[in-house]
Amino acid sequence: MSKYFQLNIVTTEREVYSGLAKKLIVTGVLGELEILYNHTPFLTSLSIGPVWFEEKSGKLSSFIMLGGILEVQPTVSTILGDSVIRAENLDEAAAIEAKNNSERIFSQKGTDIDYAKVKRELAIAMAEIRLIRKFRNKR
């Protein structure tokens, strides 16, 4: 019998999800993390990247988290996120174009380039592409 944990996901704008989950996958600053029921407690920062979870019903939900914090307790996990992009709003062609544009800007020489902004845009585009391709045949 599977065990479930309470998952709460909130951003500065709204509550994204609150309910029981079987599994949570997030992108931490040191890589991808999988959270299950009775996980060891910890606290970590989240990077821009895909987040997906399996609800108690078996439904898979996913989105792009634009940074935040994850707190894990054995029966409750909470994401305090900066902002999210819902998976249903993703467009692979647009994400590939954004990725290519960011890479083109990085290859240019110049002092008027906001490298932090371009790096953020590239990270978002790469996260979108990863999530789209991961769930392409699962939805």
N, C-alpha and C. Protein backbone atom coordinates (compact mmCIF):
# COMPACT_ATOMS: atom_id res chain seq x y z
N MET A 1 0.84 -1.19 0.00
CA MET A 1 0.00 0.00 0.00
C MET A 1 0.88 1.25 0.00
N SER A 2 0.59 2.15 -0.89
CA SER A 2 1.38 3.37 -1.01
C SER A 2 1.05 4.34 0.12
N LYS A 3 2.04 5.07 0.52
CA LYS A 3 1.87 6.12 1.53
C LYS A 3 1.90 7.46 0.81
N TYR A 4 1.14 8.40 1.33
CA TYR A 4 1.04 9.73 0.73
C TYR A 4 1.49 10.77 1.75
N PHE A 5 1.91 11.91 1.25
CA PHE A 5 2.29 13.01 2.12
C PHE A 5 1.53 14.26 1.69
N GLN A 6 1.36 15.18 2.61
CA GLN A 6 0.71 16.45 2.32
C GLN A 6 1.70 17.31 1.54
N LEU A 7 1.27 17.83 0.40
CA LEU A 7 2.10 18.70 -0.42
C LEU A 7 1.42 20.06 -0.53
N ASN A 8 2.15 21.09 -0.16
CA ASN A 8 1.66 22.47 -0.27
C ASN A 8 2.63 23.24 -1.15
N ILE A 9 2.10 23.86 -2.19
CA ILE A 9 2.91 24.67 -3.09
C ILE A 9 2.27 26.05 -3.17
N VAL A 10 3.01 27.05 -2.75
CA VAL A 10 2.52 28.43 -2.79
C VAL A 10 3.58 29.33 -3.41
N THR A 11 3.13 30.40 -4.03
CA THR A 11 4.03 31.42 -4.55
C THR A 11 3.67 32.74 -3.88
N THR A 12 4.40 33.76 -4.25
CA THR A 12 4.09 35.08 -3.71
C THR A 12 2.73 35.57 -4.18
N GLU A 13 2.21 34.99 -5.27
CA GLU A 13 0.93 35.42 -5.83
C GLU A 13 -0.27 34.60 -5.34
N ARG A 14 -0.06 33.26 -5.12
CA ARG A 14 -1.24 32.42 -4.84
C ARG A 14 -0.83 31.03 -4.38
N GLU A 15 -1.86 30.28 -3.94
CA GLU A 15 -1.66 28.86 -3.65
C GLU A 15 -1.76 28.10 -4.97
N VAL A 16 -0.77 27.30 -5.27
CA VAL A 16 -0.73 26.53 -6.51
C VAL A 16 -1.36 25.16 -6.31
N TYR A 17 -1.05 24.52 -5.18
CA TYR A 17 -1.58 23.18 -4.91
C TYR A 17 -1.53 22.91 -3.42
N SER A 18 -2.53 22.21 -2.94
CA SER A 18 -2.55 21.71 -1.57
C SER A 18 -3.33 20.41 -1.58
N GLY A 19 -2.67 19.31 -1.26
CA GLY A 19 -3.33 18.02 -1.26
C GLY A 19 -2.34 16.90 -1.03
N LEU A 20 -2.81 15.68 -1.16
CA LEU A 20 -1.97 14.51 -0.94
C LEU A 20 -1.22 14.16 -2.22
N ALA A 21 0.04 13.79 -2.05
CA ALA A 21 0.88 13.41 -3.19
C ALA A 21 1.62 12.12 -2.87
N LYS A 22 1.91 11.38 -3.92
CA LYS A 22 2.68 10.14 -3.79
C LYS A 22 4.17 10.40 -4.02
N LYS A 23 4.47 11.34 -4.92
CA LYS A 23 5.85 11.61 -5.32
C LYS A 23 5.96 13.07 -5.74
N LEU A 24 7.11 13.68 -5.44
CA LEU A 24 7.41 15.04 -5.85
C LEU A 24 8.82 15.06 -6.42
N ILE A 25 8.98 15.65 -7.60
CA ILE A 25 10.29 15.84 -8.22
C ILE A 25 10.49 17.34 -8.38
N VAL A 26 11.61 17.85 -7.84
CA VAL A 26 11.91 19.28 -7.93
C VAL A 26 13.36 19.47 -8.37
N THR A 27 13.67 20.68 -8.83
CA THR A 27 15.02 21.02 -9.23
C THR A 27 15.64 21.88 -8.14
N GLY A 28 16.49 21.26 -7.32
CA GLY A 28 17.20 21.98 -6.28
C GLY A 28 18.47 22.61 -6.84
N VAL A 29 19.13 23.41 -6.03
CA VAL A 29 20.34 24.08 -6.49
C VAL A 29 21.47 23.10 -6.79
N LEU A 30 21.42 21.89 -6.21
CA LEU A 30 22.45 20.89 -6.47
C LEU A 30 21.99 19.77 -7.39
N GLY A 31 20.77 19.91 -7.95
CA GLY A 31 20.28 18.90 -8.87
C GLY A 31 18.84 18.52 -8.57
N GLU A 32 18.39 17.47 -9.25
CA GLU A 32 17.01 17.03 -9.14
C GLU A 32 16.81 16.19 -7.88
N LEU A 33 15.68 16.42 -7.20
CA LEU A 33 15.36 15.71 -5.96
C LEU A 33 14.03 14.99 -6.11
N GLU A 34 13.95 13.78 -5.55
CA GLU A 34 12.69 13.04 -5.51
C GLU A 34 12.28 12.92 -4.05
N ILE A 35 11.06 13.35 -3.75
CA ILE A 35 10.53 13.32 -2.38
C ILE A 35 9.39 12.31 -2.33
N LEU A 36 9.45 11.42 -1.34
CA LEU A 36 8.41 10.44 -1.10
C LEU A 36 7.95 10.54 0.35
N TYR A 37 6.89 9.81 0.67
CA TYR A 37 6.39 9.75 2.04
C TYR A 37 7.52 9.33 2.99
N ASN A 38 7.57 9.94 4.16
CA ASN A 38 8.51 9.63 5.23
C ASN A 38 9.96 9.98 4.87
N HIS A 39 10.12 10.99 4.04
CA HIS A 39 11.45 11.45 3.64
C HIS A 39 12.15 12.10 4.83
N THR A 40 13.45 12.03 4.84
CA THR A 40 14.25 12.69 5.87
C THR A 40 14.03 14.20 5.79
N PRO A 41 13.84 14.88 6.93
CA PRO A 41 13.63 16.32 6.90
C PRO A 41 14.84 17.08 6.37
N PHE A 42 14.58 18.10 5.57
CA PHE A 42 15.63 19.01 5.12
C PHE A 42 15.01 20.27 4.54
N LEU A 43 15.85 21.26 4.30
CA LEU A 43 15.46 22.53 3.72
C LEU A 43 16.47 22.86 2.64
N THR A 44 16.01 23.28 1.45
CA THR A 44 16.93 23.60 0.37
C THR A 44 16.35 24.69 -0.52
N SER A 45 17.23 25.37 -1.22
CA SER A 45 16.81 26.35 -2.22
C SER A 45 16.51 25.63 -3.52
N LEU A 46 15.58 26.19 -4.28
CA LEU A 46 15.22 25.64 -5.58
C LEU A 46 15.75 26.52 -6.69
N SER A 47 16.18 25.88 -7.77
CA SER A 47 16.61 26.59 -8.96
C SER A 47 15.44 26.72 -9.92
N ILE A 48 15.63 27.50 -10.95
CA ILE A 48 14.66 27.53 -12.03
C ILE A 48 14.66 26.14 -12.65
N GLY A 49 13.49 25.53 -12.72
CA GLY A 49 13.45 24.20 -13.30
C GLY A 49 12.09 23.54 -13.16
N PRO A 50 11.97 22.36 -13.77
CA PRO A 50 10.70 21.64 -13.72
C PRO A 50 10.38 21.12 -12.32
N VAL A 51 9.10 21.12 -12.02
CA VAL A 51 8.55 20.49 -10.82
C VAL A 51 7.38 19.65 -11.29
N TRP A 52 7.34 18.41 -10.84
CA TRP A 52 6.16 17.60 -11.14
C TRP A 52 5.88 16.71 -9.95
N PHE A 53 4.62 16.35 -9.83
CA PHE A 53 4.23 15.49 -8.72
C PHE A 53 3.06 14.61 -9.14
N GLU A 54 2.97 13.47 -8.45
CA GLU A 54 1.88 12.54 -8.68
C GLU A 54 0.91 12.68 -7.52
N GLU A 55 -0.31 13.08 -7.85
CA GLU A 55 -1.33 13.24 -6.83
C GLU A 55 -1.82 11.86 -6.37
N LYS A 56 -2.54 11.84 -5.26
CA LYS A 56 -3.07 10.58 -4.74
C LYS A 56 -3.92 9.85 -5.78
N SER A 57 -4.63 10.62 -6.60
CA SER A 57 -5.50 10.04 -7.64
C SER A 57 -4.70 9.41 -8.78
N GLY A 58 -3.40 9.66 -8.82
CA GLY A 58 -2.56 9.16 -9.91
C GLY A 58 -2.30 10.21 -10.98
N LYS A 59 -3.00 11.32 -10.93
CA LYS A 59 -2.82 12.40 -11.90
C LYS A 59 -1.43 13.03 -11.73
N LEU A 60 -0.76 13.28 -12.86
CA LEU A 60 0.52 13.97 -12.85
C LEU A 60 0.30 15.45 -13.10
N SER A 61 0.87 16.28 -12.25
CA SER A 61 0.80 17.73 -12.42
C SER A 61 2.22 18.26 -12.55
N SER A 62 2.40 19.29 -13.39
CA SER A 62 3.74 19.80 -13.60
C SER A 62 3.72 21.27 -13.95
N PHE A 63 4.86 21.91 -13.70
CA PHE A 63 5.05 23.32 -14.03
C PHE A 63 6.52 23.66 -13.91
N ILE A 64 6.86 24.88 -14.25
CA ILE A 64 8.22 25.37 -14.10
C ILE A 64 8.24 26.28 -12.87
N MET A 65 9.13 25.99 -11.93
CA MET A 65 9.30 26.83 -10.75
C MET A 65 10.42 27.80 -11.03
N LEU A 66 10.19 29.07 -10.75
CA LEU A 66 11.19 30.10 -11.01
C LEU A 66 11.96 30.46 -9.75
N GLY A 67 12.41 29.43 -9.04
CA GLY A 67 13.16 29.62 -7.81
C GLY A 67 12.27 29.49 -6.59
N GLY A 68 12.88 29.36 -5.42
CA GLY A 68 12.12 29.27 -4.19
C GLY A 68 12.83 28.42 -3.17
N ILE A 69 12.04 27.92 -2.19
CA ILE A 69 12.57 27.11 -1.09
C ILE A 69 11.68 25.89 -0.93
N LEU A 70 12.29 24.75 -0.64
CA LEU A 70 11.57 23.52 -0.35
C LEU A 70 11.86 23.11 1.08
N GLU A 71 10.79 22.88 1.85
CA GLU A 71 10.94 22.32 3.19
C GLU A 71 10.30 20.93 3.16
N VAL A 72 11.05 19.94 3.61
CA VAL A 72 10.57 18.56 3.64
C VAL A 72 10.53 18.07 5.08
N GLN A 73 9.39 17.52 5.45
CA GLN A 73 9.20 16.82 6.72
C GLN A 73 8.68 15.43 6.35
N PRO A 74 8.69 14.45 7.24
CA PRO A 74 8.28 13.10 6.87
C PRO A 74 6.89 13.00 6.25
N THR A 75 5.93 13.80 6.70
CA THR A 75 4.57 13.69 6.17
C THR A 75 4.06 14.97 5.51
N VAL A 76 4.90 16.01 5.43
CA VAL A 76 4.49 17.28 4.81
C VAL A 76 5.69 17.86 4.07
N SER A 77 5.45 18.26 2.83
CA SER A 77 6.46 18.99 2.07
C SER A 77 5.84 20.29 1.58
N THR A 78 6.61 21.37 1.68
CA THR A 78 6.10 22.68 1.30
C THR A 78 7.10 23.38 0.39
N ILE A 79 6.59 23.88 -0.73
CA ILE A 79 7.39 24.71 -1.62
C ILE A 79 6.89 26.14 -1.49
N LEU A 80 7.81 27.02 -1.16
CA LEU A 80 7.54 28.46 -1.16
C LEU A 80 8.27 29.00 -2.39
N GLY A 81 7.52 29.18 -3.46
CA GLY A 81 8.11 29.52 -4.75
C GLY A 81 8.03 31.00 -5.08
N ASP A 82 8.96 31.43 -5.92
CA ASP A 82 8.93 32.81 -6.40
C ASP A 82 7.77 33.00 -7.36
N SER A 83 7.66 32.12 -8.33
CA SER A 83 6.60 32.18 -9.33
C SER A 83 6.61 30.86 -10.10
N VAL A 84 5.51 30.57 -10.81
CA VAL A 84 5.45 29.35 -11.61
C VAL A 84 4.92 29.64 -13.00
N ILE A 85 5.30 28.77 -13.92
CA ILE A 85 4.72 28.76 -15.26
C ILE A 85 4.03 27.41 -15.40
N ARG A 86 2.75 27.42 -15.61
CA ARG A 86 1.98 26.17 -15.72
C ARG A 86 2.36 25.41 -16.98
N ALA A 87 2.41 24.10 -16.89
CA ALA A 87 2.82 23.25 -18.01
C ALA A 87 1.89 23.41 -19.21
N GLU A 88 0.60 23.60 -18.96
CA GLU A 88 -0.34 23.73 -20.07
C GLU A 88 -0.13 25.02 -20.87
N ASN A 89 0.66 25.96 -20.32
CA ASN A 89 0.95 27.21 -21.02
C ASN A 89 2.25 27.16 -21.80
N LEU A 90 2.92 26.00 -21.82
CA LEU A 90 4.21 25.89 -22.48
C LEU A 90 4.07 25.64 -23.97
N ASP A 91 4.99 26.21 -24.74
CA ASP A 91 5.01 26.07 -26.19
C ASP A 91 6.44 25.69 -26.58
N GLU A 92 6.62 24.47 -27.09
CA GLU A 92 7.96 23.99 -27.39
C GLU A 92 8.68 24.86 -28.42
N ALA A 93 7.99 25.26 -29.46
CA ALA A 93 8.63 26.09 -30.49
C ALA A 93 9.11 27.42 -29.90
N ALA A 94 8.29 28.03 -29.06
CA ALA A 94 8.67 29.30 -28.43
C ALA A 94 9.84 29.10 -27.47
N ALA A 95 9.85 27.98 -26.74
CA ALA A 95 10.95 27.70 -25.82
C ALA A 95 12.25 27.48 -26.57
N ILE A 96 12.20 26.77 -27.69
CA ILE A 96 13.40 26.53 -28.49
C ILE A 96 13.91 27.85 -29.07
N GLU A 97 12.99 28.69 -29.52
CA GLU A 97 13.39 30.00 -30.04
C GLU A 97 14.04 30.85 -28.95
N ALA A 98 13.47 30.84 -27.75
CA ALA A 98 14.04 31.60 -26.62
C ALA A 98 15.43 31.07 -26.27
N LYS A 99 15.59 29.75 -26.26
CA LYS A 99 16.89 29.12 -25.99
C LYS A 99 17.92 29.56 -27.02
N ASN A 100 17.55 29.45 -28.29
CA ASN A 100 18.47 29.83 -29.36
C ASN A 100 18.84 31.31 -29.30
N ASN A 101 17.87 32.15 -28.99
CA ASN A 101 18.11 33.59 -28.87
C ASN A 101 19.08 33.88 -27.72
N SER A 102 18.87 33.23 -26.58
CA SER A 102 19.76 33.43 -25.44
C SER A 102 21.17 32.97 -25.76
N GLU A 103 21.30 31.84 -26.41
CA GLU A 103 22.63 31.34 -26.79
C GLU A 103 23.31 32.28 -27.78
N ARG A 104 22.53 32.85 -28.69
CA ARG A 104 23.09 33.80 -29.65
C ARG A 104 23.61 35.05 -28.94
N ILE A 105 22.84 35.55 -27.97
CA ILE A 105 23.25 36.74 -27.22
C ILE A 105 24.52 36.44 -26.42
N PHE A 106 24.61 35.25 -25.81
CA PHE A 106 25.81 34.88 -25.06
C PHE A 106 27.05 34.85 -25.94
N SER A 107 26.90 34.52 -27.21
CA SER A 107 28.05 34.42 -28.10
C SER A 107 28.54 35.78 -28.58
N GLN A 108 27.73 36.83 -28.38
CA GLN A 108 28.11 38.17 -28.80
C GLN A 108 29.07 38.79 -27.79
N LYS A 109 29.89 39.66 -28.27
CA LYS A 109 30.79 40.40 -27.39
C LYS A 109 30.20 41.80 -27.21
N GLY A 110 30.23 42.28 -26.00
CA GLY A 110 29.71 43.62 -25.74
C GLY A 110 29.53 43.86 -24.27
N THR A 111 29.51 45.10 -23.91
CA THR A 111 29.38 45.46 -22.50
C THR A 111 27.95 45.79 -22.12
N ASP A 112 27.09 45.96 -23.10
CA ASP A 112 25.72 46.37 -22.78
C ASP A 112 24.77 45.17 -22.65
N ILE A 113 25.30 43.97 -22.56
CA ILE A 113 24.48 42.77 -22.42
C ILE A 113 24.25 42.49 -20.93
N ASP A 114 23.00 42.29 -20.56
CA ASP A 114 22.66 41.93 -19.18
C ASP A 114 22.74 40.41 -19.08
N TYR A 115 23.93 39.92 -18.74
CA TYR A 115 24.17 38.48 -18.74
C TYR A 115 23.30 37.74 -17.71
N ALA A 116 23.01 38.36 -16.59
CA ALA A 116 22.15 37.72 -15.58
C ALA A 116 20.75 37.50 -16.14
N LYS A 117 20.24 38.48 -16.86
CA LYS A 117 18.90 38.36 -17.46
C LYS A 117 18.89 37.28 -18.54
N VAL A 118 19.91 37.27 -19.38
CA VAL A 118 19.99 36.28 -20.45
C VAL A 118 20.15 34.88 -19.87
N LYS A 119 20.95 34.75 -18.81
CA LYS A 119 21.14 33.45 -18.16
C LYS A 119 19.81 32.95 -17.59
N ARG A 120 19.02 33.84 -16.98
CA ARG A 120 17.72 33.46 -16.43
C ARG A 120 16.77 33.02 -17.55
N GLU A 121 16.75 33.77 -18.65
CA GLU A 121 15.89 33.41 -19.78
C GLU A 121 16.30 32.07 -20.38
N LEU A 122 17.59 31.80 -20.44
CA LEU A 122 18.07 30.52 -20.95
C LEU A 122 17.66 29.38 -20.01
N ALA A 123 17.79 29.59 -18.71
CA ALA A 123 17.40 28.56 -17.73
C ALA A 123 15.91 28.24 -17.83
N ILE A 124 15.09 29.27 -18.00
CA ILE A 124 13.64 29.06 -18.13
C ILE A 124 13.34 28.27 -19.41
N ALA A 125 13.95 28.67 -20.52
CA ALA A 125 13.71 27.98 -21.80
C ALA A 125 14.14 26.52 -21.72
N MET A 126 15.29 26.25 -21.11
CA MET A 126 15.77 24.87 -20.98
C MET A 126 14.84 24.05 -20.10
N ALA A 127 14.34 24.65 -19.02
CA ALA A 127 13.41 23.94 -18.13
C ALA A 127 12.11 23.63 -18.86
N GLU A 128 11.63 24.58 -19.65
CA GLU A 128 10.41 24.35 -20.42
C GLU A 128 10.58 23.20 -21.41
N ILE A 129 11.69 23.19 -22.11
CA ILE A 129 11.96 22.14 -23.09
C ILE A 129 12.03 20.77 -22.40
N ARG A 130 12.74 20.71 -21.27
CA ARG A 130 12.83 19.44 -20.51
C ARG A 130 11.46 18.93 -20.10
N LEU A 131 10.63 19.82 -19.57
CA LEU A 131 9.31 19.41 -19.09
C LEU A 131 8.40 18.99 -20.24
N ILE A 132 8.41 19.74 -21.32
CA ILE A 132 7.59 19.41 -22.49
C ILE A 132 7.98 18.03 -23.03
N ARG A 133 9.26 17.79 -23.17
CA ARG A 133 9.73 16.52 -23.73
C ARG A 133 9.51 15.36 -22.77
N LYS A 134 9.60 15.59 -21.48
CA LYS A 134 9.37 14.53 -20.51
C LYS A 134 7.93 14.05 -20.54
N PHE A 135 7.00 14.97 -20.68
CA PHE A 135 5.58 14.61 -20.59
C PHE A 135 4.88 14.57 -21.94
N ARG A 136 5.62 14.67 -23.02
CA ARG A 136 5.02 14.69 -24.35
C ARG A 136 4.06 13.53 -24.57
N ASN A 137 4.42 12.34 -24.18
CA ASN A 137 3.57 11.17 -24.43
C ASN A 137 2.81 10.69 -23.21
N LYS A 138 2.89 11.42 -22.10
CA LYS A 138 2.23 10.98 -20.87
C LYS A 138 0.94 11.72 -20.59
N ARG A 139 0.62 12.73 -21.37
CA ARG A 139 -0.58 13.53 -21.08
C ARG A 139 -1.71 13.10 -21.97
